[in-house]
């Protein structure tokens, strides 16, 4: 398991990058011990909303396969809307690793960053479980108009997505072990 932390279109954030590297190493160990699954290779990229949208769309297209220009434009618009409000996103990659995009503007201090990081690493652990990535790919392919999924599959996906989110929110208390001020 390899962990990398970098920035994207974020000059002058050296101290933030060093803090992120330290917290990521600790969080990977804590989440790896506490959550069922196998920790994949993790790439954490610190960026702002615009960079988060760009990288998310690129990663999703890489995962879903070839898409046409209209679907790509539609996905970029949706990603920009989501990136304005989202603190972070975890996206599986075709090679089995996970891309974690973190919007630095959404984190006022180390404690908030630790909570977000633990949340996204729980999602990374979930991606290692049986059939989760396949389900996400099926939903992405449907969203891009490549391959339709049934209504039953769509409802099942939304139900399981809610369960996964509840699990991730439930594990945020682990951030207290990283930063004592992160009392969630």
Protein backbone atom coordinates (compact mmCIF):
# COMPACT_ATOMS: atom_id res chain seq x y z
CA UNK A 1 0.00 0.00 0.00
CA UNK A 2 1.44 3.31 -1.13
CA UNK A 3 0.28 6.77 -0.09
CA UNK A 4 1.08 9.98 -1.93
CA UNK A 5 0.00 13.52 -1.09
CA UNK A 6 0.35 16.40 -3.54
CA UNK A 7 -1.25 19.67 -4.62
CA UNK A 8 -2.95 20.67 -7.86
CA UNK A 9 -2.95 24.32 -8.96
CA UNK A 10 -2.25 25.39 -5.38
CA UNK A 11 0.93 27.48 -5.10
CA UNK A 12 2.19 28.61 -1.70
CA UNK A 13 0.59 25.87 0.39
CA UNK A 14 3.80 24.19 1.59
CA UNK A 15 2.84 24.13 5.26
CA UNK A 16 -0.59 22.75 4.41
CA UNK A 17 1.01 20.04 2.27
CA UNK A 18 3.37 19.00 5.09
CA UNK A 19 0.48 18.84 7.56
CA UNK A 20 -1.59 16.83 5.06
CA UNK A 21 1.24 14.32 4.56
CA UNK A 22 1.62 13.82 8.31
CA UNK A 23 -2.11 13.44 8.93
CA UNK A 24 -2.58 11.15 5.92
CA UNK A 25 0.08 8.71 7.09
CA UNK A 26 -1.50 8.53 10.54
CA UNK A 27 -5.06 8.32 9.21
CA UNK A 28 -4.24 5.47 6.83
CA UNK A 29 -2.93 3.39 9.73
CA UNK A 30 -5.87 4.17 12.02
CA UNK A 31 -8.58 3.60 9.39
CA UNK A 32 -6.82 0.47 8.11
CA UNK A 33 -7.01 -1.07 11.59
CA UNK A 34 -10.56 0.05 12.39
CA UNK A 35 -12.59 -0.46 9.21
CA UNK A 36 -13.22 -3.81 7.47
CA UNK A 37 -11.63 -4.11 4.06
CA UNK A 38 -8.19 -3.67 2.54
CA UNK A 39 -6.55 -0.27 2.22
CA UNK A 40 -5.69 0.34 -1.45
CA UNK A 41 -2.99 2.67 -2.74
CA UNK A 42 -4.09 6.21 -1.95
CA UNK A 43 -3.35 9.43 -3.81
CA UNK A 44 -4.48 12.54 -1.92
CA UNK A 45 -4.56 15.74 -3.95
CA UNK A 46 -5.12 19.09 -2.25
CA UNK A 47 -6.79 21.60 -4.52
CA UNK A 48 -9.52 24.22 -4.76
CA UNK A 49 -13.05 23.80 -6.15
CA UNK A 50 -12.11 24.26 -9.81
CA UNK A 51 -9.22 21.80 -9.68
CA UNK A 52 -11.39 19.35 -7.76
CA UNK A 53 -14.02 19.43 -10.52
CA UNK A 54 -11.41 18.94 -13.28
CA UNK A 55 -9.69 16.03 -11.58
CA UNK A 56 -12.97 14.36 -10.56
CA UNK A 57 -14.36 14.38 -14.10
CA UNK A 58 -11.09 13.05 -15.51
CA UNK A 59 -11.00 10.23 -12.94
CA UNK A 60 -14.66 9.33 -13.50
CA UNK A 61 -14.24 9.20 -17.28
CA UNK A 62 -11.14 7.05 -16.84
CA UNK A 63 -13.20 4.69 -14.68
CA UNK A 64 -16.33 4.61 -16.88
CA UNK A 65 -14.64 4.39 -20.26
CA UNK A 66 -14.92 6.49 -23.39
CA UNK A 67 -17.63 9.18 -23.31
CA UNK A 68 -18.89 11.61 -25.92
CA UNK A 69 -18.37 15.36 -25.75
CA UNK A 70 -21.90 16.22 -24.55
CA UNK A 71 -21.72 13.74 -21.67
CA UNK A 72 -18.32 15.12 -20.69
CA UNK A 73 -19.62 18.70 -20.69
CA UNK A 74 -22.66 17.68 -18.62
CA UNK A 75 -20.39 15.86 -16.14
CA UNK A 76 -18.09 18.91 -15.87
CA UNK A 77 -21.04 21.18 -15.03
CA UNK A 78 -22.30 18.76 -12.38
CA UNK A 79 -18.79 18.36 -10.94
CA UNK A 80 -18.36 22.14 -10.66
CA UNK A 81 -21.65 22.44 -8.75
CA UNK A 82 -20.67 19.60 -6.42
CA UNK A 83 -17.12 20.91 -5.90
CA UNK A 84 -18.38 24.26 -4.56
CA UNK A 85 -20.00 22.56 -1.57
CA UNK A 86 -18.01 19.34 -1.15
CA UNK A 87 -15.11 19.17 1.26
CA UNK A 88 -13.60 16.12 -0.46
CA UNK A 89 -14.29 13.20 -2.77
CA UNK A 90 -12.93 9.68 -3.02
CA UNK A 91 -12.93 8.13 -6.49
CA UNK A 92 -11.77 4.59 -7.29
CA UNK A 93 -9.40 4.11 -10.21
CA UNK A 94 -9.27 1.28 -12.74
CA UNK A 95 -5.89 0.09 -11.36
CA UNK A 96 -7.41 -0.49 -7.91
CA UNK A 97 -6.02 2.64 -6.26
CA UNK A 98 -8.15 5.48 -4.91
CA UNK A 99 -7.95 9.19 -5.68
CA UNK A 100 -8.93 11.45 -2.76
CA UNK A 101 -9.54 15.06 -3.77
CA UNK A 102 -9.60 17.57 -0.90
CA UNK A 103 -10.92 21.12 -1.27
CA UNK A 104 -8.61 23.16 0.99
CA UNK A 105 -11.02 26.11 1.06
CA UNK A 106 -13.54 24.00 3.00
CA UNK A 107 -11.14 23.31 5.90
CA UNK A 108 -10.48 26.08 8.40
CA UNK A 109 -8.15 24.04 10.62
CA UNK A 110 -6.32 20.76 11.10
CA UNK A 111 -9.22 19.17 12.99
CA UNK A 112 -11.70 19.65 10.13
CA UNK A 113 -9.15 18.29 7.68
CA UNK A 114 -8.60 15.21 9.86
CA UNK A 115 -12.33 14.47 10.00
CA UNK A 116 -12.68 14.81 6.23
CA UNK A 117 -9.62 12.66 5.62
CA UNK A 118 -10.88 9.85 7.86
CA UNK A 119 -14.29 10.00 6.14
CA UNK A 120 -12.77 9.67 2.67
CA UNK A 121 -10.36 6.92 3.73
CA UNK A 122 -13.34 4.92 5.01
CA UNK A 123 -14.76 5.21 1.49
CA UNK A 124 -11.42 4.00 0.12
CA UNK A 125 -11.67 0.94 2.35
CA UNK A 126 -15.23 0.36 1.13
CA UNK A 127 -14.01 0.32 -2.48
CA UNK A 128 -11.96 -2.79 -1.66
CA UNK A 129 -15.10 -4.73 -0.73
CA UNK A 130 -16.85 -7.09 -3.09
CA UNK A 131 -18.92 -5.59 -5.96
CA UNK A 132 -18.74 -1.96 -4.77
CA UNK A 133 -16.50 -0.65 -7.55
CA UNK A 134 -18.47 -2.60 -10.16
CA UNK A 135 -21.68 -1.00 -8.89
CA UNK A 136 -20.11 2.47 -8.99
CA UNK A 137 -18.85 1.88 -12.54
CA UNK A 138 -22.31 0.68 -13.62
CA UNK A 139 -23.87 3.86 -12.17
CA UNK A 140 -21.25 6.09 -13.82
CA UNK A 141 -21.76 4.40 -17.19
CA UNK A 142 -25.50 5.03 -16.81
CA UNK A 143 -24.91 8.68 -15.86
CA UNK A 144 -22.67 9.17 -18.92
CA UNK A 145 -25.22 7.49 -21.19
CA UNK A 146 -22.88 4.64 -22.14
CA UNK A 147 -24.88 1.73 -20.76
CA UNK A 148 -28.28 1.82 -19.06
CA UNK A 149 -28.96 0.24 -15.71
CA UNK A 150 -32.36 -0.91 -14.54
CA UNK A 151 -34.46 1.11 -12.09
CA UNK A 152 -33.99 -1.66 -9.57
CA UNK A 153 -30.21 -1.40 -9.90
CA UNK A 154 -30.39 2.39 -9.55
CA UNK A 155 -32.52 2.15 -6.38
CA UNK A 156 -30.20 -0.51 -4.96
CA UNK A 157 -27.20 1.73 -5.71
CA UNK A 158 -28.75 4.70 -3.90
CA UNK A 159 -29.69 2.55 -0.91
CA UNK A 160 -26.18 1.08 -0.62
CA UNK A 161 -24.65 4.53 -1.12
CA UNK A 162 -26.62 5.82 1.87
CA UNK A 163 -25.41 2.88 3.98
CA UNK A 164 -21.80 3.57 2.97
CA UNK A 165 -22.18 7.25 3.86
CA UNK A 166 -23.62 6.35 7.27
CA UNK A 167 -20.66 4.06 7.90
CA UNK A 168 -18.20 6.80 6.90
CA UNK A 169 -19.91 9.39 9.14
CA UNK A 170 -19.96 6.85 11.95
CA UNK A 171 -16.19 6.39 11.73
CA UNK A 172 -15.34 10.10 11.86
CA UNK A 173 -14.69 9.78 15.59
CA UNK A 174 -11.37 8.15 14.61
CA UNK A 175 -10.13 11.65 13.74
CA UNK A 176 -9.84 12.27 17.49
CA UNK A 177 -6.80 9.97 17.45
CA UNK A 178 -5.15 12.20 14.82
CA UNK A 179 -6.00 15.61 16.21
CA UNK A 180 -7.48 15.78 19.73
CA UNK A 181 -9.43 18.91 18.78
CA UNK A 182 -11.35 16.94 16.13
CA UNK A 183 -14.21 16.02 18.45
CA UNK A 184 -16.82 15.27 15.80
